[in-house]
Amino acid sequence: MTAFTSYWLLPLFFMFHDFEELVFVPTWLRRQPNRRILGRIPFAGVDQADILAVGIWEEFVLYWVFSAVGYWLHTPLLIVAATIPYLGHLVGHLVFIIIVRGYVPGGVTAALELPFVTWYLIRLVLLVNAPVSAWWLSIGLMTLLFFGNLLLIHFVMSRIAAS
């Protein structure tokens, strides 16, 4: 795997997965308007593709920026740190499928991508030569950033949909 491929695969994985969400979330939510998973309405209850696209675009830009910065600075740890929350996101979809005992948008691509993203993460880890403290700091901050951002974009999308 070349360094360029290493740094740029993450945004591609993200778009492949989120395209499934963009296409299927609106219909899925309309067919089951009171569906809750772990006490929350999935996808912030946003059943409009244009509003979902705004949230997906914002997340894609984050992944693209981190990939670009990682590539320009030759910092694979940055991409490792951004891949870990994404891997958690994929696992979350599979957990949701088990909880609802049926299809959840994003579940098919999560199942398809999980082995490839895991392999990708392992390959990236082998490129990193950094102290343990840098690992903890990078992964911790990136995880907080992505999960905080996920909460923020779901909040913003739900407000836009309600207006």
N, C-alpha and C. Protein backbone atom coordinates (compact mmCIF):
# COMPACT_ATOMS: atom_id res chain seq x y z
N MET A 1 0.86 -1.17 0.00
CA MET A 1 0.00 0.00 0.00
C MET A 1 0.91 1.24 0.00
N THR A 2 0.60 2.18 -0.86
CA THR A 2 1.39 3.40 -0.91
C THR A 2 0.90 4.38 0.15
N ALA A 3 1.74 5.37 0.46
CA ALA A 3 1.35 6.37 1.46
C ALA A 3 0.11 7.13 0.99
N PHE A 4 0.03 7.44 -0.31
CA PHE A 4 -1.13 8.19 -0.81
C PHE A 4 -2.41 7.39 -0.59
N THR A 5 -2.39 6.12 -0.95
CA THR A 5 -3.56 5.27 -0.75
C THR A 5 -3.89 5.19 0.73
N SER A 6 -2.90 5.07 1.56
CA SER A 6 -3.12 4.97 3.00
C SER A 6 -3.87 6.17 3.54
N TYR A 7 -3.51 7.33 3.07
CA TYR A 7 -4.10 8.54 3.62
C TYR A 7 -5.46 8.85 3.03
N TRP A 8 -5.76 8.38 1.84
CA TRP A 8 -6.98 8.81 1.15
C TRP A 8 -8.09 7.78 1.14
N LEU A 9 -7.87 6.60 1.66
CA LEU A 9 -8.93 5.60 1.67
C LEU A 9 -10.06 5.94 2.64
N LEU A 10 -9.74 6.56 3.76
CA LEU A 10 -10.77 6.83 4.77
C LEU A 10 -11.93 7.66 4.23
N PRO A 11 -11.70 8.78 3.52
CA PRO A 11 -12.85 9.52 2.98
C PRO A 11 -13.66 8.69 1.97
N LEU A 12 -12.99 7.80 1.25
CA LEU A 12 -13.71 6.94 0.30
C LEU A 12 -14.59 5.94 1.02
N PHE A 13 -14.06 5.31 2.06
CA PHE A 13 -14.87 4.40 2.88
C PHE A 13 -16.08 5.14 3.43
N PHE A 14 -15.84 6.33 3.96
CA PHE A 14 -16.92 7.12 4.56
C PHE A 14 -18.03 7.40 3.54
N MET A 15 -17.66 7.86 2.35
CA MET A 15 -18.69 8.20 1.36
C MET A 15 -19.46 6.98 0.89
N PHE A 16 -18.78 5.86 0.71
CA PHE A 16 -19.45 4.62 0.31
C PHE A 16 -20.52 4.26 1.33
N HIS A 17 -20.16 4.31 2.60
CA HIS A 17 -21.09 3.96 3.68
C HIS A 17 -22.21 4.99 3.80
N ASP A 18 -21.86 6.24 3.80
CA ASP A 18 -22.88 7.26 4.02
C ASP A 18 -23.82 7.44 2.83
N PHE A 19 -23.40 7.01 1.65
CA PHE A 19 -24.31 7.04 0.51
C PHE A 19 -25.50 6.10 0.78
N GLU A 20 -25.23 4.95 1.38
CA GLU A 20 -26.33 4.04 1.75
C GLU A 20 -27.28 4.73 2.72
N GLU A 21 -26.73 5.42 3.71
CA GLU A 21 -27.58 6.15 4.67
C GLU A 21 -28.40 7.21 3.96
N LEU A 22 -27.76 7.99 3.11
CA LEU A 22 -28.45 9.08 2.41
C LEU A 22 -29.63 8.56 1.58
N VAL A 23 -29.43 7.44 0.93
CA VAL A 23 -30.47 6.88 0.06
C VAL A 23 -31.60 6.25 0.86
N PHE A 24 -31.28 5.52 1.93
CA PHE A 24 -32.30 4.70 2.59
C PHE A 24 -32.88 5.26 3.89
N VAL A 25 -32.21 6.20 4.54
CA VAL A 25 -32.73 6.73 5.81
C VAL A 25 -34.11 7.37 5.67
N PRO A 26 -34.34 8.25 4.70
CA PRO A 26 -35.66 8.91 4.64
C PRO A 26 -36.83 7.92 4.58
N THR A 27 -36.77 6.96 3.69
CA THR A 27 -37.86 5.99 3.56
C THR A 27 -37.96 5.12 4.81
N TRP A 28 -36.83 4.69 5.32
CA TRP A 28 -36.81 3.83 6.51
C TRP A 28 -37.46 4.54 7.69
N LEU A 29 -37.14 5.80 7.90
CA LEU A 29 -37.73 6.55 9.01
C LEU A 29 -39.22 6.79 8.80
N ARG A 30 -39.64 7.08 7.59
CA ARG A 30 -41.06 7.32 7.33
C ARG A 30 -41.90 6.07 7.55
N ARG A 31 -41.32 4.91 7.29
CA ARG A 31 -42.05 3.65 7.47
C ARG A 31 -42.17 3.25 8.93
N GLN A 32 -41.35 3.82 9.78
CA GLN A 32 -41.39 3.50 11.21
C GLN A 32 -41.11 4.75 12.02
N PRO A 33 -42.07 5.67 12.05
CA PRO A 33 -41.84 6.99 12.64
C PRO A 33 -41.58 6.97 14.16
N ASN A 34 -42.00 5.95 14.85
CA ASN A 34 -41.80 5.91 16.30
C ASN A 34 -40.66 4.99 16.72
N ARG A 35 -39.88 4.55 15.76
CA ARG A 35 -38.77 3.63 16.04
C ARG A 35 -37.74 4.31 16.94
N ARG A 36 -37.33 3.62 17.98
CA ARG A 36 -36.27 4.10 18.86
C ARG A 36 -35.25 2.99 19.02
N ILE A 37 -33.99 3.39 19.05
CA ILE A 37 -32.90 2.45 19.31
C ILE A 37 -32.15 3.00 20.51
N LEU A 38 -32.11 2.20 21.55
CA LEU A 38 -31.48 2.62 22.82
C LEU A 38 -32.08 3.94 23.31
N GLY A 39 -33.40 4.09 23.14
CA GLY A 39 -34.11 5.26 23.64
C GLY A 39 -34.03 6.50 22.78
N ARG A 40 -33.35 6.41 21.64
CA ARG A 40 -33.19 7.59 20.78
C ARG A 40 -33.76 7.30 19.39
N ILE A 41 -34.25 8.35 18.75
CA ILE A 41 -34.71 8.21 17.38
C ILE A 41 -33.48 8.19 16.48
N PRO A 42 -33.32 7.15 15.66
CA PRO A 42 -32.14 7.05 14.80
C PRO A 42 -32.05 8.20 13.80
N PHE A 43 -30.85 8.56 13.48
CA PHE A 43 -30.56 9.59 12.47
C PHE A 43 -31.24 10.91 12.82
N ALA A 44 -31.40 11.15 14.10
CA ALA A 44 -32.02 12.38 14.62
C ALA A 44 -33.43 12.58 14.07
N GLY A 45 -34.01 11.51 13.53
CA GLY A 45 -35.36 11.61 12.99
C GLY A 45 -35.45 12.39 11.69
N VAL A 46 -34.31 12.71 11.10
CA VAL A 46 -34.30 13.52 9.88
C VAL A 46 -34.61 12.61 8.69
N ASP A 47 -35.77 12.84 8.08
CA ASP A 47 -36.18 11.99 6.96
C ASP A 47 -36.17 12.74 5.63
N GLN A 48 -35.34 13.77 5.54
CA GLN A 48 -35.20 14.54 4.30
C GLN A 48 -33.77 14.40 3.80
N ALA A 49 -33.63 13.87 2.59
CA ALA A 49 -32.30 13.58 2.05
C ALA A 49 -31.43 14.83 1.93
N ASP A 50 -32.05 15.97 1.61
CA ASP A 50 -31.23 17.17 1.45
C ASP A 50 -30.60 17.60 2.77
N ILE A 51 -31.34 17.46 3.85
CA ILE A 51 -30.79 17.82 5.17
C ILE A 51 -29.75 16.80 5.60
N LEU A 52 -30.00 15.51 5.36
CA LEU A 52 -29.00 14.49 5.66
C LEU A 52 -27.73 14.74 4.87
N ALA A 53 -27.88 15.18 3.62
CA ALA A 53 -26.71 15.44 2.77
C ALA A 53 -25.82 16.53 3.36
N VAL A 54 -26.42 17.52 3.99
CA VAL A 54 -25.63 18.59 4.61
C VAL A 54 -24.76 18.01 5.73
N GLY A 55 -25.35 17.17 6.58
CA GLY A 55 -24.58 16.55 7.66
C GLY A 55 -23.51 15.62 7.14
N ILE A 56 -23.84 14.86 6.12
CA ILE A 56 -22.87 13.94 5.52
C ILE A 56 -21.72 14.72 4.87
N TRP A 57 -22.06 15.81 4.18
CA TRP A 57 -21.04 16.63 3.56
C TRP A 57 -20.08 17.20 4.61
N GLU A 58 -20.63 17.68 5.72
CA GLU A 58 -19.80 18.26 6.77
C GLU A 58 -18.84 17.21 7.33
N GLU A 59 -19.32 16.00 7.56
CA GLU A 59 -18.45 14.94 8.07
C GLU A 59 -17.40 14.55 7.03
N PHE A 60 -17.81 14.47 5.78
CA PHE A 60 -16.87 14.15 4.72
C PHE A 60 -15.74 15.18 4.66
N VAL A 61 -16.09 16.45 4.79
CA VAL A 61 -15.07 17.50 4.78
C VAL A 61 -14.08 17.28 5.92
N LEU A 62 -14.57 16.90 7.09
CA LEU A 62 -13.65 16.62 8.21
C LEU A 62 -12.70 15.48 7.85
N TYR A 63 -13.24 14.38 7.33
CA TYR A 63 -12.37 13.26 6.96
C TYR A 63 -11.38 13.66 5.87
N TRP A 64 -11.84 14.45 4.91
CA TRP A 64 -10.96 14.89 3.84
C TRP A 64 -9.85 15.79 4.39
N VAL A 65 -10.20 16.72 5.26
CA VAL A 65 -9.20 17.63 5.84
C VAL A 65 -8.17 16.84 6.64
N PHE A 66 -8.62 15.90 7.47
CA PHE A 66 -7.65 15.12 8.25
C PHE A 66 -6.77 14.27 7.33
N SER A 67 -7.34 13.73 6.28
CA SER A 67 -6.53 12.97 5.32
C SER A 67 -5.51 13.86 4.63
N ALA A 68 -5.93 15.05 4.22
CA ALA A 68 -5.02 15.98 3.56
C ALA A 68 -3.89 16.41 4.49
N VAL A 69 -4.25 16.80 5.71
CA VAL A 69 -3.23 17.23 6.67
C VAL A 69 -2.28 16.08 7.00
N GLY A 70 -2.84 14.89 7.22
CA GLY A 70 -2.00 13.72 7.49
C GLY A 70 -1.04 13.44 6.34
N TYR A 71 -1.54 13.56 5.13
CA TYR A 71 -0.69 13.33 3.95
C TYR A 71 0.40 14.39 3.83
N TRP A 72 0.00 15.66 3.94
CA TRP A 72 0.98 16.74 3.78
C TRP A 72 2.04 16.74 4.88
N LEU A 73 1.65 16.37 6.09
CA LEU A 73 2.60 16.35 7.21
C LEU A 73 3.24 14.98 7.43
N HIS A 74 2.87 14.01 6.59
CA HIS A 74 3.39 12.64 6.73
C HIS A 74 3.13 12.11 8.14
N THR A 75 1.87 12.19 8.56
CA THR A 75 1.49 11.81 9.91
C THR A 75 0.40 10.74 9.87
N PRO A 76 0.78 9.47 9.73
CA PRO A 76 -0.24 8.43 9.66
C PRO A 76 -1.04 8.29 10.96
N LEU A 77 -0.45 8.73 12.09
CA LEU A 77 -1.18 8.63 13.36
C LEU A 77 -2.48 9.45 13.30
N LEU A 78 -2.47 10.55 12.58
CA LEU A 78 -3.68 11.36 12.44
C LEU A 78 -4.79 10.56 11.76
N ILE A 79 -4.44 9.78 10.74
CA ILE A 79 -5.42 8.97 10.02
C ILE A 79 -5.86 7.79 10.88
N VAL A 80 -4.92 7.20 11.61
CA VAL A 80 -5.29 6.12 12.55
C VAL A 80 -6.31 6.65 13.54
N ALA A 81 -6.03 7.82 14.10
CA ALA A 81 -6.92 8.40 15.11
C ALA A 81 -8.29 8.73 14.53
N ALA A 82 -8.36 9.10 13.26
CA ALA A 82 -9.65 9.39 12.62
C ALA A 82 -10.37 8.11 12.21
N THR A 83 -9.64 7.05 11.96
CA THR A 83 -10.24 5.78 11.54
C THR A 83 -10.91 5.06 12.70
N ILE A 84 -10.38 5.19 13.89
CA ILE A 84 -10.93 4.47 15.04
C ILE A 84 -12.38 4.86 15.34
N PRO A 85 -12.73 6.14 15.40
CA PRO A 85 -14.16 6.47 15.60
C PRO A 85 -15.03 5.98 14.44
N TYR A 86 -14.49 6.01 13.23
CA TYR A 86 -15.25 5.53 12.08
C TYR A 86 -15.52 4.03 12.22
N LEU A 87 -14.52 3.29 12.65
CA LEU A 87 -14.69 1.86 12.89
C LEU A 87 -15.76 1.63 13.95
N GLY A 88 -15.75 2.46 15.00
CA GLY A 88 -16.79 2.38 16.02
C GLY A 88 -18.17 2.65 15.45
N HIS A 89 -18.25 3.59 14.52
CA HIS A 89 -19.51 3.92 13.86
C HIS A 89 -20.04 2.71 13.09
N LEU A 90 -19.16 2.01 12.38
CA LEU A 90 -19.57 0.82 11.64
C LEU A 90 -20.06 -0.27 12.58
N VAL A 91 -19.34 -0.49 13.66
CA VAL A 91 -19.75 -1.50 14.65
C VAL A 91 -21.11 -1.11 15.24
N GLY A 92 -21.32 0.18 15.48
CA GLY A 92 -22.60 0.64 16.00
C GLY A 92 -23.76 0.26 15.10
N HIS A 93 -23.58 0.38 13.79
CA HIS A 93 -24.63 -0.03 12.86
C HIS A 93 -24.95 -1.51 13.01
N LEU A 94 -23.93 -2.33 13.17
CA LEU A 94 -24.16 -3.77 13.32
C LEU A 94 -24.88 -4.07 14.63
N VAL A 95 -24.55 -3.35 15.68
CA VAL A 95 -25.26 -3.50 16.96
C VAL A 95 -26.72 -3.10 16.79
N PHE A 96 -26.98 -2.01 16.07
CA PHE A 96 -28.36 -1.57 15.85
C PHE A 96 -29.15 -2.62 15.08
N ILE A 97 -28.53 -3.29 14.12
CA ILE A 97 -29.20 -4.36 13.38
C ILE A 97 -29.62 -5.48 14.33
N ILE A 98 -28.75 -5.81 15.25
CA ILE A 98 -29.05 -6.87 16.23
C ILE A 98 -30.19 -6.42 17.13
N ILE A 99 -30.16 -5.18 17.59
CA ILE A 99 -31.19 -4.67 18.49
C ILE A 99 -32.56 -4.64 17.82
N VAL A 100 -32.65 -4.15 16.59
CA VAL A 100 -33.95 -4.05 15.91
C VAL A 100 -34.33 -5.35 15.20
N ARG A 101 -33.39 -6.27 15.12
CA ARG A 101 -33.63 -7.55 14.44
C ARG A 101 -34.10 -7.35 13.00
N GLY A 102 -33.42 -6.42 12.33
CA GLY A 102 -33.78 -6.13 10.95
C GLY A 102 -32.83 -5.11 10.36
N TYR A 103 -33.19 -4.66 9.19
CA TYR A 103 -32.35 -3.71 8.46
C TYR A 103 -32.33 -2.34 9.13
N VAL A 104 -31.15 -1.76 9.19
CA VAL A 104 -30.94 -0.37 9.60
C VAL A 104 -30.09 0.26 8.50
N PRO A 105 -30.49 1.44 7.97
CA PRO A 105 -29.68 2.06 6.92
C PRO A 105 -28.22 2.22 7.35
N GLY A 106 -27.34 1.83 6.48
CA GLY A 106 -25.91 1.85 6.77
C GLY A 106 -25.40 0.49 7.20
N GLY A 107 -26.31 -0.42 7.49
CA GLY A 107 -25.92 -1.74 7.99
C GLY A 107 -25.23 -2.62 6.95
N VAL A 108 -25.69 -2.55 5.72
CA VAL A 108 -25.09 -3.38 4.67
C VAL A 108 -23.65 -2.95 4.41
N THR A 109 -23.44 -1.65 4.22
CA THR A 109 -22.08 -1.19 3.96
C THR A 109 -21.20 -1.32 5.21
N ALA A 110 -21.79 -1.23 6.39
CA ALA A 110 -21.01 -1.46 7.61
C ALA A 110 -20.47 -2.88 7.63
N ALA A 111 -21.33 -3.84 7.31
CA ALA A 111 -20.89 -5.24 7.28
C ALA A 111 -19.85 -5.48 6.18
N LEU A 112 -20.06 -4.85 5.03
CA LEU A 112 -19.10 -5.01 3.93
C LEU A 112 -17.76 -4.34 4.23
N GLU A 113 -17.82 -3.17 4.84
CA GLU A 113 -16.59 -2.39 5.07
C GLU A 113 -15.79 -2.84 6.28
N LEU A 114 -16.45 -3.40 7.28
CA LEU A 114 -15.76 -3.70 8.54
C LEU A 114 -14.45 -4.46 8.37
N PRO A 115 -14.39 -5.54 7.59
CA PRO A 115 -13.10 -6.22 7.44
C PRO A 115 -12.05 -5.36 6.71
N PHE A 116 -12.49 -4.59 5.73
CA PHE A 116 -11.55 -3.75 4.97
C PHE A 116 -11.03 -2.59 5.82
N VAL A 117 -11.92 -1.96 6.59
CA VAL A 117 -11.49 -0.84 7.43
C VAL A 117 -10.57 -1.36 8.54
N THR A 118 -10.86 -2.55 9.05
CA THR A 118 -9.98 -3.15 10.07
C THR A 118 -8.61 -3.41 9.48
N TRP A 119 -8.57 -3.98 8.27
CA TRP A 119 -7.29 -4.22 7.59
C TRP A 119 -6.56 -2.90 7.34
N TYR A 120 -7.30 -1.91 6.88
CA TYR A 120 -6.75 -0.58 6.62
C TYR A 120 -6.13 0.00 7.89
N LEU A 121 -6.85 -0.10 9.00
CA LEU A 121 -6.36 0.41 10.28
C LEU A 121 -5.07 -0.30 10.67
N ILE A 122 -5.03 -1.60 10.53
CA ILE A 122 -3.82 -2.36 10.88
C ILE A 122 -2.65 -1.90 10.01
N ARG A 123 -2.88 -1.73 8.71
CA ARG A 123 -1.82 -1.27 7.81
C ARG A 123 -1.32 0.12 8.20
N LEU A 124 -2.24 0.99 8.58
CA LEU A 124 -1.84 2.34 9.01
C LEU A 124 -1.03 2.30 10.30
N VAL A 125 -1.47 1.47 11.24
CA VAL A 125 -0.77 1.36 12.52
C VAL A 125 0.69 0.98 12.29
N LEU A 126 0.94 0.12 11.31
CA LEU A 126 2.31 -0.29 11.01
C LEU A 126 3.17 0.84 10.46
N LEU A 127 2.55 1.91 9.97
CA LEU A 127 3.29 3.06 9.45
C LEU A 127 3.66 4.07 10.54
N VAL A 128 3.05 3.92 11.73
CA VAL A 128 3.21 4.92 12.79
C VAL A 128 4.45 4.62 13.63
N ASN A 129 5.24 5.66 13.84
CA ASN A 129 6.38 5.59 14.75
C ASN A 129 6.26 6.79 15.68
N ALA A 130 5.48 6.61 16.75
CA ALA A 130 5.23 7.72 17.68
C ALA A 130 5.21 7.19 19.09
N PRO A 131 5.50 8.04 20.08
CA PRO A 131 5.45 7.60 21.47
C PRO A 131 4.01 7.27 21.89
N VAL A 132 3.90 6.45 22.91
CA VAL A 132 2.59 6.03 23.40
C VAL A 132 1.73 7.23 23.79
N SER A 133 2.33 8.24 24.36
CA SER A 133 1.55 9.43 24.77
C SER A 133 0.91 10.10 23.56
N ALA A 134 1.61 10.11 22.43
CA ALA A 134 1.04 10.70 21.21
C ALA A 134 -0.14 9.88 20.72
N TRP A 135 -0.04 8.56 20.85
CA TRP A 135 -1.15 7.68 20.48
C TRP A 135 -2.39 8.01 21.31
N TRP A 136 -2.22 8.02 22.62
CA TRP A 136 -3.36 8.28 23.52
C TRP A 136 -3.97 9.65 23.27
N LEU A 137 -3.12 10.64 23.14
CA LEU A 137 -3.60 12.00 22.92
C LEU A 137 -4.35 12.12 21.59
N SER A 138 -3.75 11.60 20.53
CA SER A 138 -4.36 11.69 19.20
C SER A 138 -5.68 10.94 19.12
N ILE A 139 -5.68 9.71 19.60
CA ILE A 139 -6.90 8.90 19.52
C ILE A 139 -7.97 9.46 20.43
N GLY A 140 -7.59 9.89 21.63
CA GLY A 140 -8.57 10.47 22.56
C GLY A 140 -9.20 11.74 22.01
N LEU A 141 -8.38 12.65 21.53
CA LEU A 141 -8.91 13.91 20.99
C LEU A 141 -9.76 13.69 19.74
N MET A 142 -9.30 12.81 18.87
CA MET A 142 -10.05 12.56 17.63
C MET A 142 -11.39 11.89 17.94
N THR A 143 -11.41 10.97 18.87
CA THR A 143 -12.66 10.31 19.25
C THR A 143 -13.63 11.32 19.84
N LEU A 144 -13.16 12.16 20.72
CA LEU A 144 -14.02 13.22 21.28
C LEU A 144 -14.52 14.15 20.18
N LEU A 145 -13.63 14.53 19.28
CA LEU A 145 -14.02 15.43 18.18
C LEU A 145 -15.11 14.80 17.32
N PHE A 146 -14.93 13.56 16.89
CA PHE A 146 -15.89 12.96 15.97
C PHE A 146 -17.22 12.64 16.65
N PHE A 147 -17.19 12.16 17.88
CA PHE A 147 -18.47 11.88 18.53
C PHE A 147 -19.16 13.18 18.94
N GLY A 148 -18.40 14.18 19.34
CA GLY A 148 -18.99 15.49 19.61
C GLY A 148 -19.58 16.09 18.35
N ASN A 149 -18.86 15.96 17.24
CA ASN A 149 -19.35 16.46 15.96
C ASN A 149 -20.61 15.71 15.53
N LEU A 150 -20.65 14.42 15.76
CA LEU A 150 -21.83 13.63 15.40
C LEU A 150 -23.05 14.13 16.17
N LEU A 151 -22.88 14.37 17.46
CA LEU A 151 -23.99 14.92 18.26
C LEU A 151 -24.40 16.30 17.74
N LEU A 152 -23.42 17.12 17.42
CA LEU A 152 -23.70 18.46 16.92
C LEU A 152 -24.45 18.43 15.59
N ILE A 153 -23.99 17.63 14.64
CA ILE A 153 -24.66 17.64 13.33
C ILE A 153 -26.05 17.02 13.42
N HIS A 154 -26.23 16.03 14.29
CA HIS A 154 -27.59 15.49 14.48
C HIS A 154 -28.50 16.55 15.08
N PHE A 155 -27.99 17.31 16.02
CA PHE A 155 -28.77 18.39 16.62
C PHE A 155 -29.13 19.44 15.57
N VAL A 156 -28.13 19.87 14.80
CA VAL A 156 -28.36 20.90 13.78
C VAL A 156 -29.32 20.39 12.72
N MET A 157 -29.14 19.16 12.26
CA MET A 157 -30.04 18.61 11.24
C MET A 157 -31.47 18.52 11.74
N SER A 158 -31.65 18.13 13.00
CA SER A 158 -33.00 18.03 13.54
C SER A 158 -33.64 19.41 13.65
N ARG A 159 -32.85 20.43 13.98
CA ARG A 159 -33.38 21.80 14.05
C ARG A 159 -33.75 22.32 12.67
N ILE A 160 -32.92 22.03 11.67
CA ILE A 160 -33.23 22.45 10.31
C ILE A 160 -34.51 21.76 9.84
N ALA A 161 -34.63 20.47 10.13
CA ALA A 161 -35.82 19.71 9.71
C ALA A 161 -37.08 20.23 10.40
N ALA A 162 -36.94 20.70 11.64
CA ALA A 162 -38.10 21.18 12.39
C ALA A 162 -38.54 22.57 11.96
N SER A 163 -37.66 23.30 11.29
CA SER A 163 -38.00 24.68 10.91
C SER A 163 -38.78 24.77 9.61
